[in-house]
Amino acid sequence: MSVRRKYSLPGCTLILEGVTTEATGRRPTISAVVNAECHILGQAQILAGGQGFLQQLTETLSAYTQSILSGIVPIVPEGHIAIEPLPPLQHRLTITDPGLEAPVSLDLSTLQLFDLLESLDQMLADARTLPGWSLDLKPLTRHQARLDPPIAERATPAAIGISSLAVAAVALFFLPIPEVRRPTEPIPVSADELVQTTEANETAGSAPPNDPANTADADAAKLSGSADEKNDSAKPADSKPKDADETKATADAGTQRSSDADAESKAEPEIISDSDQLYALNLKLDQDLSANWDSDTAPPGDREYRVSVGRDGAIIGYVGRGEGSESYVDSTPLPDLLYVPAQAGSVNVEAQADFRVVFSDSGTIEVSPWDGYAKTPSAPPSLTDAATVEQSLDRLSDTLYDKFNDDPNFDRALAYRLGVTSEGTLAQVEPLTGDARSLYGETPLPDLYDPAAAIAVNDDRVTLSPLVEFRVVFKPNGVIEIAPWYGIQ
């Protein structure tokens, strides 16, 4: 049996395709890897190969990173994969496999390198992936490390610093000590002396003492006048004030430039708020999760996640909410359903919708919009033309009678509202009574119900499929009553 597994980090996603000998189990053990792909964010090249490539890549990166963190000369095992530092802060990964037409080189940042290594570490820590293989890490020998500088060389900078300090101290010793004077206090002057001094100054033609407040006002006026004169002298002779239209145009242009700059700096995704589209995405997410979750692995308590999906219904991100959610995530379908771009690199920001997903201890999945619906979603589009209704009626009647037991195990009528696609697939089931809900398993509906048929993806957008709706009543005597919900028009 073939198994596909992902190990995701913000800067790197490792995808493994392998084989297993286990016939059952939520996460079967991968005994051998057939293909491995490393998608590195920001790199157009995808690293791919078999199990030998995966093992050599892991050993090479581990040895290289170990040597760098230890502060010694980078060590790389011999093989088809090599990596070397690329000053100032990059690392060049080179693959020279004989099966390649030409060597492949990638210049990785330190963040990309460590995300790639972390994804490989997650694989090694997974007990259900290649359990017979582990990384053999050995301590580095003295011959692999740089020799420490001699004691004399290490002591030279300190000796130079101490001698320089001593010379400076001797030079400062011979400088004279500066004389320190106490600030002179103002001598108090009486009012009579101030009047006599003022009259004497006026007689001699000198100006009266300045009042601090008047001095400040005069200085401010002088500065203002100087600024006006400077501005007037700086203007051309034929300059004139801008009229209102020109001023408004300039302001509009500035506003437009500011808006453009804001738009470029903010790459926030559009949030889908349309209730009808949210309802369609809610149905698709619920169906995808239910189809891929093994309820036998239900958690001991509810586990909640915030899940983001695009317009096409693909899961583009998720985060655990509450205690125990992160540790349980591998038991959910979320890692396997997470969308990974075919080509690594920057992805265009697309519209998204956020949902609250709860995996309950009862073995059920609850899906609802994170912020609820702005208004009640519209009913799915209905097919009501006479030809389509009559054709669907005949087809549904034949299908139900083929599956219905002539001697049912219930003693009361069970009524349902059913929706059928134009191809005849049962895509909607709504019990109309409590008995119909509790005895649903006694009808042929569970074997015919295909909820995925209610969803269609057109132009990368999830929509509700148009349905022909019927009222169907299963009776204890083996008779089935079928009538168009809206009649035949």
Protein backbone atom coordinates (compact mmCIF):
# COMPACT_ATOMS: atom_id res chain seq x y z
CA MET A 1 0.00 0.00 0.00
CA SER A 2 1.26 3.50 -0.87
CA VAL A 3 1.50 6.17 1.85
CA ARG A 4 2.01 9.92 1.49
CA ARG A 5 3.25 11.99 4.42
CA LYS A 6 4.15 15.66 4.98
CA TYR A 7 6.37 17.50 7.43
CA SER A 8 5.65 21.23 7.24
CA LEU A 9 7.51 24.27 8.50
CA PRO A 10 7.09 27.95 7.57
CA GLY A 11 10.10 27.85 5.23
CA CYS A 12 10.15 24.25 4.06
CA THR A 13 7.81 21.32 3.39
CA LEU A 14 9.08 17.75 3.14
CA ILE A 15 6.79 15.33 1.26
CA LEU A 16 7.42 11.60 1.37
CA GLU A 17 5.85 8.88 -0.75
CA GLY A 18 6.55 5.40 0.53
CA VAL A 19 5.23 1.89 0.85
CA THR A 20 3.95 0.00 3.87
CA THR A 21 3.10 -3.59 4.66
CA GLU A 22 0.33 -2.64 7.09
CA ALA A 23 -3.21 -3.12 5.82
CA THR A 24 -4.98 -0.92 8.37
CA GLY A 25 -4.27 1.97 10.72
CA ARG A 26 -4.68 5.71 10.71
CA ARG A 27 -0.95 6.32 10.20
CA PRO A 28 0.66 3.19 8.79
CA THR A 29 4.42 2.81 9.07
CA ILE A 30 6.48 3.76 6.00
CA SER A 31 9.01 0.96 5.59
CA ALA A 32 10.65 2.34 2.42
CA VAL A 33 10.64 5.72 0.70
CA VAL A 34 9.97 5.75 -3.02
CA ASN A 35 10.17 9.51 -3.56
CA ALA A 36 11.08 12.49 -1.38
CA GLU A 37 10.49 16.15 -2.25
CA CYS A 38 11.77 19.24 -0.41
CA HIS A 39 9.85 22.43 -1.22
CA ILE A 40 11.86 25.39 0.10
CA LEU A 41 10.09 28.73 0.36
CA GLY A 42 11.78 31.26 -1.91
CA GLN A 43 13.49 28.63 -4.09
CA ALA A 44 12.09 27.66 -7.48
CA GLN A 45 14.11 24.42 -7.55
CA ILE A 46 12.53 21.40 -5.82
CA LEU A 47 14.92 18.88 -4.27
CA ALA A 48 13.72 15.39 -5.13
CA GLY A 49 15.05 11.85 -5.08
CA GLY A 50 14.71 8.39 -3.59
CA GLN A 51 15.59 6.99 -0.19
CA GLY A 52 19.33 7.13 -0.86
CA PHE A 53 19.06 10.83 -1.73
CA LEU A 54 17.05 11.46 1.43
CA GLN A 55 19.56 9.72 3.69
CA GLN A 56 22.59 11.43 2.16
CA LEU A 57 20.88 14.85 2.33
CA THR A 58 20.10 14.29 6.02
CA GLU A 59 23.63 13.16 6.89
CA THR A 60 25.26 16.00 4.94
CA LEU A 61 23.15 18.78 6.44
CA SER A 62 23.45 17.36 9.96
CA ALA A 63 27.27 17.16 9.80
CA TYR A 64 27.54 20.62 8.24
CA THR A 65 25.25 22.26 10.79
CA GLN A 66 26.94 20.46 13.69
CA SER A 67 30.32 21.81 12.65
CA ILE A 68 29.03 25.37 12.15
CA LEU A 69 27.33 25.46 15.56
CA SER A 70 30.53 24.10 17.11
CA GLY A 71 32.56 26.93 15.59
CA ILE A 72 34.94 24.72 13.59
CA VAL A 73 35.76 24.21 9.93
CA PRO A 74 32.59 22.91 8.15
CA ILE A 75 32.73 19.16 7.61
CA VAL A 76 30.73 17.46 4.86
CA PRO A 77 30.66 13.69 4.21
CA GLU A 78 31.84 12.59 0.79
CA GLY A 79 29.07 11.92 -1.72
CA HIS A 80 26.90 13.46 -4.41
CA ILE A 81 25.61 16.19 -2.07
CA ALA A 82 27.88 18.96 -0.81
CA ILE A 83 27.33 22.21 1.08
CA GLU A 84 29.70 25.05 1.82
CA PRO A 85 29.43 28.48 3.47
CA LEU A 86 28.82 31.40 1.14
CA PRO A 87 29.82 34.68 2.86
CA PRO A 88 28.39 36.59 4.43
CA LEU A 89 25.29 34.63 5.59
CA GLN A 90 24.41 32.03 2.96
CA HIS A 91 25.13 28.38 2.27
CA ARG A 92 25.54 26.80 -1.17
CA LEU A 93 24.01 23.33 -1.53
CA THR A 94 25.27 21.42 -4.59
CA ILE A 95 23.94 18.10 -5.93
CA THR A 96 26.08 16.24 -8.49
CA ASP A 97 24.08 13.05 -8.91
CA PRO A 98 25.11 11.09 -12.04
CA GLY A 99 21.45 10.93 -13.04
CA LEU A 100 21.30 14.71 -13.43
CA GLU A 101 22.22 16.39 -16.70
CA ALA A 102 24.06 19.13 -14.81
CA PRO A 103 24.87 19.86 -11.15
CA VAL A 104 22.13 21.63 -9.21
CA SER A 105 23.10 24.47 -6.86
CA LEU A 106 20.93 26.32 -4.37
CA ASP A 107 22.00 29.31 -2.29
CA LEU A 108 20.16 28.98 1.02
CA SER A 109 19.79 31.54 3.75
CA THR A 110 20.47 30.42 7.30
CA LEU A 111 16.72 30.40 8.00
CA GLN A 112 16.04 28.23 4.95
CA LEU A 113 18.85 25.87 5.93
CA PHE A 114 17.54 25.38 9.47
CA ASP A 115 13.93 24.93 8.31
CA LEU A 116 15.09 22.26 5.86
CA LEU A 117 17.04 20.53 8.62
CA GLU A 118 14.10 20.79 11.03
CA SER A 119 11.78 19.05 8.53
CA LEU A 120 14.30 16.22 8.27
CA ASP A 121 14.52 16.08 12.08
CA GLN A 122 10.72 15.74 12.28
CA MET A 123 10.94 12.81 9.89
CA LEU A 124 13.63 11.15 11.99
CA ALA A 125 11.60 11.69 15.16
CA ASP A 126 8.51 10.07 13.60
CA ALA A 127 8.38 6.47 14.79
CA ARG A 128 6.14 5.57 11.83
CA THR A 129 8.58 6.70 9.15
CA LEU A 130 11.61 4.51 8.37
CA PRO A 131 11.79 3.07 11.91
CA GLY A 132 14.87 1.00 11.02
CA TRP A 133 16.98 4.05 10.16
CA SER A 134 18.39 6.66 12.52
CA LEU A 135 21.06 9.31 12.15
CA ASP A 136 24.44 8.23 13.54
CA LEU A 137 25.85 11.33 15.20
CA LYS A 138 29.43 11.18 16.55
CA PRO A 139 31.43 13.71 18.56
CA LEU A 140 34.03 15.63 16.59
CA THR A 141 37.72 14.80 17.07
CA ARG A 142 40.49 17.27 17.94
CA HIS A 143 41.92 16.95 14.43
CA GLN A 144 38.63 18.20 12.95
CA ALA A 145 38.61 21.39 15.03
CA ARG A 146 40.63 24.55 14.60
CA LEU A 147 43.67 24.70 16.91
CA ASP A 148 43.42 27.43 19.54
CA PRO A 149 45.86 30.36 19.13
CA PRO A 150 48.99 30.26 21.35
CA ILE A 151 48.79 31.79 24.80
CA ALA A 152 51.14 34.60 23.73
CA GLU A 153 48.89 35.58 20.83
CA ARG A 154 45.77 35.52 22.99
CA ALA A 155 47.51 37.65 25.68
CA THR A 156 48.87 40.29 23.29
CA PRO A 157 45.65 42.40 22.95
CA ALA A 158 45.20 42.50 26.73
CA ALA A 159 48.85 43.52 27.28
CA ILE A 160 48.61 46.30 24.71
CA GLY A 161 45.44 47.59 26.35
CA ILE A 162 47.00 47.65 29.83
CA SER A 163 50.18 49.41 28.64
CA SER A 164 48.14 52.05 26.80
CA LEU A 165 46.14 52.73 29.94
CA ALA A 166 49.36 53.15 31.97
CA VAL A 167 50.84 55.66 29.47
CA ALA A 168 47.62 57.69 29.52
CA ALA A 169 47.63 57.75 33.33
CA VAL A 170 51.24 59.07 33.44
CA ALA A 171 50.49 61.81 30.90
CA LEU A 172 47.43 62.97 32.83
CA PHE A 173 49.45 63.08 36.09
CA PHE A 174 51.55 66.05 34.88
CA LEU A 175 48.59 68.20 33.78
CA PRO A 176 47.74 71.10 36.18
CA ILE A 177 44.69 70.76 38.31
CA PRO A 178 42.03 73.18 37.05
CA GLU A 179 40.99 75.96 39.45
CA VAL A 180 37.42 75.63 40.61
CA ARG A 181 35.56 78.84 41.42
CA ARG A 182 32.29 79.15 43.22
CA PRO A 183 29.56 80.85 41.14
CA THR A 184 29.10 84.56 41.98
CA GLU A 185 25.77 85.35 43.62
CA PRO A 186 23.85 88.44 42.33
CA ILE A 187 24.03 91.57 44.53
CA PRO A 188 20.55 92.74 45.62
CA VAL A 189 19.52 96.24 44.39
CA SER A 190 16.88 98.37 46.11
CA ALA A 191 14.03 100.08 44.23
CA ASP A 192 15.44 103.60 44.84
CA GLU A 193 18.84 102.58 43.44
CA LEU A 194 17.14 101.02 40.36
CA VAL A 195 15.24 104.31 39.69
CA GLN A 196 18.42 106.39 40.05
CA THR A 197 20.32 104.05 37.73
CA THR A 198 17.55 104.24 35.10
CA GLU A 199 17.46 108.08 35.17
CA ALA A 200 21.23 108.22 34.87
CA ASN A 201 21.19 105.88 31.86
CA GLU A 202 18.49 107.96 30.14
CA THR A 203 20.50 111.14 30.73
CA ALA A 204 23.60 109.50 29.29
CA GLY A 205 21.63 108.22 26.27
CA SER A 206 21.81 104.54 27.15
CA ALA A 207 18.89 102.15 26.89
CA PRO A 208 16.92 101.17 30.00
CA PRO A 209 17.34 97.70 31.47
CA ASN A 210 15.53 95.05 29.48
CA ASP A 211 12.43 93.34 30.85
CA PRO A 212 12.80 89.57 30.19
CA ALA A 213 9.22 89.30 28.92
CA ASN A 214 9.65 92.27 26.57
CA THR A 215 12.98 90.88 25.41
CA ALA A 216 11.39 87.52 24.52
CA ASP A 217 8.60 89.21 22.57
CA ALA A 218 11.06 91.37 20.70
CA ASP A 219 13.26 88.41 19.83
CA ALA A 220 10.24 86.46 18.57
CA ALA A 221 9.13 89.38 16.41
CA LYS A 222 12.65 89.78 15.04
CA LEU A 223 12.87 86.09 14.15
CA SER A 224 9.45 86.21 12.50
CA GLY A 225 10.38 89.24 10.46
CA SER A 226 13.68 87.72 9.41
CA ALA A 227 11.94 84.55 8.30
CA ASP A 228 9.41 86.53 6.27
CA GLU A 229 12.15 88.55 4.63
CA LYS A 230 14.06 85.37 3.85
CA ASN A 231 11.02 83.69 2.32
CA ASP A 232 10.18 86.80 0.28
CA SER A 233 13.73 87.06 -0.99
CA ALA A 234 13.76 83.36 -1.90
CA LYS A 235 10.64 83.65 -4.09
CA PRO A 236 11.09 84.35 -7.82
CA ALA A 237 9.95 87.73 -8.99
CA ASP A 238 7.04 86.31 -10.98
CA SER A 239 6.00 83.74 -8.35
CA LYS A 240 2.43 83.76 -7.11
CA PRO A 241 0.37 81.62 -4.69
CA LYS A 242 -1.11 78.46 -6.10
CA ASP A 243 -4.79 78.66 -6.85
CA ALA A 244 -7.32 76.31 -5.20
CA ASP A 245 -7.48 73.86 -8.12
CA GLU A 246 -3.71 73.43 -8.26
CA THR A 247 -3.49 72.96 -4.49
CA LYS A 248 -6.28 70.35 -4.58
CA ALA A 249 -4.60 68.48 -7.45
CA THR A 250 -1.35 68.35 -5.52
CA ALA A 251 -3.12 67.07 -2.42
CA ASP A 252 -4.98 64.43 -4.46
CA ALA A 253 -1.74 63.26 -6.05
CA GLY A 254 -0.11 62.95 -2.63
CA THR A 255 -3.09 61.02 -1.33
CA GLN A 256 -2.95 58.68 -4.31
CA ARG A 257 0.77 58.03 -3.81
CA SER A 258 0.16 57.35 -0.13
CA SER A 259 -2.67 54.95 -0.97
CA ASP A 260 -0.52 53.13 -3.51
CA ALA A 261 2.31 52.81 -1.00
CA ASP A 262 -0.08 51.47 1.62
CA ALA A 263 -1.50 48.98 -0.85
CA GLU A 264 1.97 47.71 -1.69
CA SER A 265 3.05 47.48 1.93
CA LYS A 266 -0.07 45.62 3.04
CA ALA A 267 -0.43 42.21 1.39
CA GLU A 268 -3.23 41.08 3.67
CA PRO A 269 -5.47 38.42 2.11
CA GLU A 270 -9.07 39.22 1.34
CA ILE A 271 -11.43 37.72 3.92
CA ILE A 272 -14.43 35.91 2.42
CA SER A 273 -17.57 37.14 4.16
CA ASP A 274 -20.32 36.24 1.69
CA SER A 275 -22.67 33.89 3.56
CA ASP A 276 -23.50 31.72 0.53
CA GLN A 277 -19.84 31.17 -0.32
CA LEU A 278 -19.00 30.52 3.35
CA TYR A 279 -21.75 27.89 3.47
CA ALA A 280 -20.36 26.14 0.38
CA LEU A 281 -16.82 26.19 1.79
CA ASN A 282 -18.14 24.96 5.15
CA LEU A 283 -19.76 21.95 3.45
CA LYS A 284 -16.62 21.10 1.48
CA LEU A 285 -14.32 21.37 4.49
CA ASP A 286 -16.67 19.20 6.55
CA GLN A 287 -16.80 16.57 3.81
CA ASP A 288 -13.03 16.54 3.23
CA LEU A 289 -12.28 16.15 6.93
CA SER A 290 -14.98 13.52 7.54
CA ALA A 291 -13.83 11.45 4.57
CA ASN A 292 -10.22 11.35 5.83
CA TRP A 293 -10.64 11.06 9.61
CA ASP A 294 -10.72 7.79 11.50
CA SER A 295 -13.21 8.30 14.33
CA ASP A 296 -11.56 5.42 16.20
CA THR A 297 -8.70 7.83 16.97
CA ALA A 298 -11.05 10.35 18.63
CA PRO A 299 -9.27 12.43 21.31
CA PRO A 300 -10.05 12.08 25.02
CA GLY A 301 -11.45 15.62 24.91
CA ASP A 302 -12.47 18.11 22.24
CA ARG A 303 -9.58 19.47 20.13
CA GLU A 304 -10.19 22.81 18.43
CA TYR A 305 -8.39 24.31 15.41
CA ARG A 306 -8.64 27.48 13.38
CA VAL A 307 -8.46 26.39 9.74
CA SER A 308 -8.05 28.70 6.73
CA VAL A 309 -9.23 27.67 3.26
CA GLY A 310 -9.03 29.34 -0.14
CA ARG A 311 -11.84 29.99 -2.58
CA ASP A 312 -11.34 26.52 -4.06
CA GLY A 313 -11.78 24.88 -0.65
CA ALA A 314 -8.13 23.84 -0.24
CA ILE A 315 -6.70 24.08 3.28
CA ILE A 316 -3.94 26.70 3.26
CA GLY A 317 -3.23 26.89 6.99
CA TYR A 318 -4.28 25.80 10.46
CA VAL A 319 -3.38 26.44 14.08
CA GLY A 320 -4.32 24.59 17.25
CA ARG A 321 -6.47 26.36 19.83
CA GLY A 322 -6.33 25.16 23.39
CA GLU A 323 -4.39 22.60 25.34
CA GLY A 324 -3.60 19.33 23.58
CA SER A 325 -4.48 20.50 20.08
CA GLU A 326 -0.90 20.69 18.77
CA SER A 327 0.02 17.24 20.08
CA TYR A 328 -3.13 15.70 18.55
CA VAL A 329 -2.84 17.34 15.12
CA ASP A 330 -1.05 14.35 13.53
CA SER A 331 -4.11 12.22 14.29
CA THR A 332 -6.29 14.57 12.23
CA PRO A 333 -6.44 14.88 8.42
CA LEU A 334 -5.17 18.48 8.56
CA PRO A 335 -1.46 17.78 7.80
CA ASP A 336 -2.34 15.50 4.87
CA LEU A 337 -4.89 17.92 3.40
CA LEU A 338 -2.67 21.01 3.72
CA TYR A 339 -2.13 22.54 0.29
CA VAL A 340 1.50 22.67 -0.89
CA PRO A 341 2.27 24.70 -4.06
CA ALA A 342 3.56 22.65 -6.98
CA GLN A 343 6.44 25.10 -7.35
CA ALA A 344 8.18 26.36 -4.25
CA GLY A 345 8.52 30.10 -3.84
CA SER A 346 6.31 33.05 -3.04
CA VAL A 347 2.61 32.38 -3.37
CA ASN A 348 0.14 35.05 -4.39
CA VAL A 349 -2.02 36.15 -1.50
CA GLU A 350 -5.51 34.83 -2.18
CA ALA A 351 -8.90 35.28 -0.57
CA GLN A 352 -9.49 33.02 2.39
CA ALA A 353 -12.10 32.05 4.95
CA ASP A 354 -11.46 30.92 8.52
CA PHE A 355 -13.40 28.10 10.18
CA ARG A 356 -13.61 26.62 13.65
CA VAL A 357 -13.03 22.86 13.45
CA VAL A 358 -13.60 20.69 16.52
CA PHE A 359 -12.70 16.99 16.64
CA SER A 360 -14.87 15.75 19.48
CA ASP A 361 -14.36 12.81 21.80
CA SER A 362 -17.64 11.36 20.50
CA GLY A 363 -16.08 10.76 17.07
CA THR A 364 -17.77 13.64 15.23
CA ILE A 365 -16.40 16.73 13.51
CA GLU A 366 -17.97 20.16 13.97
CA VAL A 367 -17.23 22.81 11.34
CA SER A 368 -18.50 26.40 11.46
CA PRO A 369 -17.33 29.82 10.20
CA TRP A 370 -14.95 31.41 12.70
CA ASP A 371 -17.00 34.64 12.85
CA GLY A 372 -20.35 33.05 11.98
CA TYR A 373 -22.60 34.04 9.09
CA ALA A 374 -23.42 37.68 8.40
CA LYS A 375 -26.87 36.50 7.30
CA THR A 376 -28.69 33.21 6.75
CA PRO A 377 -27.22 31.43 3.69
CA SER A 378 -29.47 30.99 0.70
CA ALA A 379 -30.88 27.58 -0.19
CA PRO A 380 -28.98 25.62 -2.88
CA PRO A 381 -30.07 26.45 -6.44
CA SER A 382 -32.97 24.25 -7.59
CA LEU A 383 -33.66 22.63 -10.94
CA THR A 384 -37.40 22.99 -11.56
CA ASP A 385 -37.90 22.59 -15.30
CA ALA A 386 -40.43 19.85 -16.08
CA ALA A 387 -38.18 17.67 -18.24
CA THR A 388 -35.37 17.52 -15.66
CA VAL A 389 -37.78 16.90 -12.76
CA GLU A 390 -39.60 14.03 -14.52
CA GLN A 391 -36.37 12.37 -15.60
CA SER A 392 -34.90 12.65 -12.09
CA LEU A 393 -38.14 11.34 -10.56
CA ASP A 394 -38.07 8.16 -12.64
CA ARG A 395 -34.37 7.60 -11.94
CA LEU A 396 -34.72 8.17 -8.18
CA SER A 397 -37.74 5.87 -7.95
CA ASP A 398 -35.91 2.99 -9.65
CA THR A 399 -32.82 3.48 -7.46
CA LEU A 400 -34.74 3.57 -4.16
CA TYR A 401 -36.88 0.54 -4.92
CA ASP A 402 -33.82 -1.46 -5.95
CA LYS A 403 -32.25 -0.81 -2.51
CA PHE A 404 -35.39 -0.83 -0.30
CA ASN A 405 -36.44 -3.92 1.61
CA ASP A 406 -40.04 -4.94 0.94
CA ASP A 407 -40.37 -5.85 4.63
CA PRO A 408 -38.76 -2.91 6.51
CA ASN A 409 -37.86 -2.97 10.21
CA PHE A 410 -39.94 0.06 11.24
CA ASP A 411 -43.63 0.56 11.92
CA ARG A 412 -44.14 4.21 11.01
CA ALA A 413 -43.71 6.45 7.97
CA LEU A 414 -40.31 8.12 7.55
CA ALA A 415 -40.30 11.38 5.58
CA TYR A 416 -37.22 13.05 4.03
CA ARG A 417 -36.36 15.98 1.81
CA LEU A 418 -33.89 14.75 -0.80
CA GLY A 419 -31.76 16.64 -3.31
CA VAL A 420 -30.56 14.91 -6.48
CA THR A 421 -28.09 16.23 -9.05
CA SER A 422 -28.95 16.29 -12.74
CA GLU A 423 -26.83 13.12 -13.07
CA GLY A 424 -29.01 11.32 -10.49
CA THR A 425 -26.59 11.40 -7.50
CA LEU A 426 -28.19 11.79 -4.06
CA ALA A 427 -26.41 14.88 -2.69
CA GLN A 428 -28.78 16.15 0.04
CA VAL A 429 -30.69 14.36 2.81
CA GLU A 430 -32.81 16.19 5.38
CA PRO A 431 -34.94 14.16 7.83
CA LEU A 432 -38.32 15.84 8.33
CA THR A 433 -39.22 14.09 11.60
CA GLY A 434 -37.44 12.77 14.66
CA ASP A 435 -38.32 9.18 13.68
CA ALA A 436 -36.83 9.73 10.24
CA ARG A 437 -33.58 10.88 11.87
CA SER A 438 -33.32 8.02 14.38
CA LEU A 439 -34.29 5.32 11.85
CA TYR A 440 -32.21 6.72 9.01
CA GLY A 441 -30.06 3.59 8.92
CA GLU A 442 -33.10 1.42 8.14
CA THR A 443 -33.55 3.15 4.78
CA PRO A 444 -31.43 2.77 1.63
CA LEU A 445 -30.33 6.41 1.89
CA PRO A 446 -26.94 5.87 3.68
CA ASP A 447 -25.71 3.69 0.81
CA LEU A 448 -26.79 6.24 -1.81
CA TYR A 449 -25.86 9.50 -0.09
CA ASP A 450 -22.82 11.28 -1.58
CA PRO A 451 -22.45 14.73 0.08
CA ALA A 452 -19.50 15.64 -2.17
CA ALA A 453 -21.90 15.83 -5.11
CA ALA A 454 -23.54 18.90 -3.54
CA ILE A 455 -20.31 20.83 -4.10
CA ALA A 456 -18.86 21.99 -7.40
CA VAL A 457 -15.57 23.80 -8.06
CA ASN A 458 -15.82 26.14 -11.03
CA ASP A 459 -13.02 28.58 -11.93
CA ASP A 460 -11.22 27.74 -8.66
CA ARG A 461 -14.30 28.70 -6.66
CA VAL A 462 -16.47 26.41 -4.54
CA THR A 463 -20.19 26.66 -5.30
CA LEU A 464 -23.31 24.65 -4.51
CA SER A 465 -24.50 22.28 -7.21
CA PRO A 466 -28.07 22.83 -8.48
CA LEU A 467 -30.36 20.05 -7.28
CA VAL A 468 -33.76 18.59 -8.03
CA GLU A 469 -35.57 18.28 -4.70
CA PHE A 470 -38.15 15.67 -3.70
CA ARG A 471 -40.27 14.74 -0.72
CA VAL A 472 -39.81 11.01 -0.12
CA VAL A 473 -41.78 8.91 2.39
CA PHE A 474 -40.81 5.31 3.24
CA LYS A 475 -43.83 3.38 4.55
CA PRO A 476 -43.86 0.23 6.70
CA ASN A 477 -45.72 -1.71 3.99
CA GLY A 478 -42.76 -1.32 1.59
CA VAL A 479 -44.25 1.52 -0.47
CA ILE A 480 -42.22 4.63 -1.31
CA GLU A 481 -44.02 7.90 -2.01
CA ILE A 482 -42.01 10.35 -4.14
CA ALA A 483 -43.20 13.84 -5.08
CA PRO A 484 -41.34 16.87 -6.46
CA TRP A 485 -40.75 19.37 -3.66
CA TYR A 486 -41.83 22.30 -5.81
CA GLY A 487 -44.17 20.31 -8.02
CA ILE A 488 -43.83 19.94 -11.78
CA GLN A 489 -43.86 23.33 -13.46
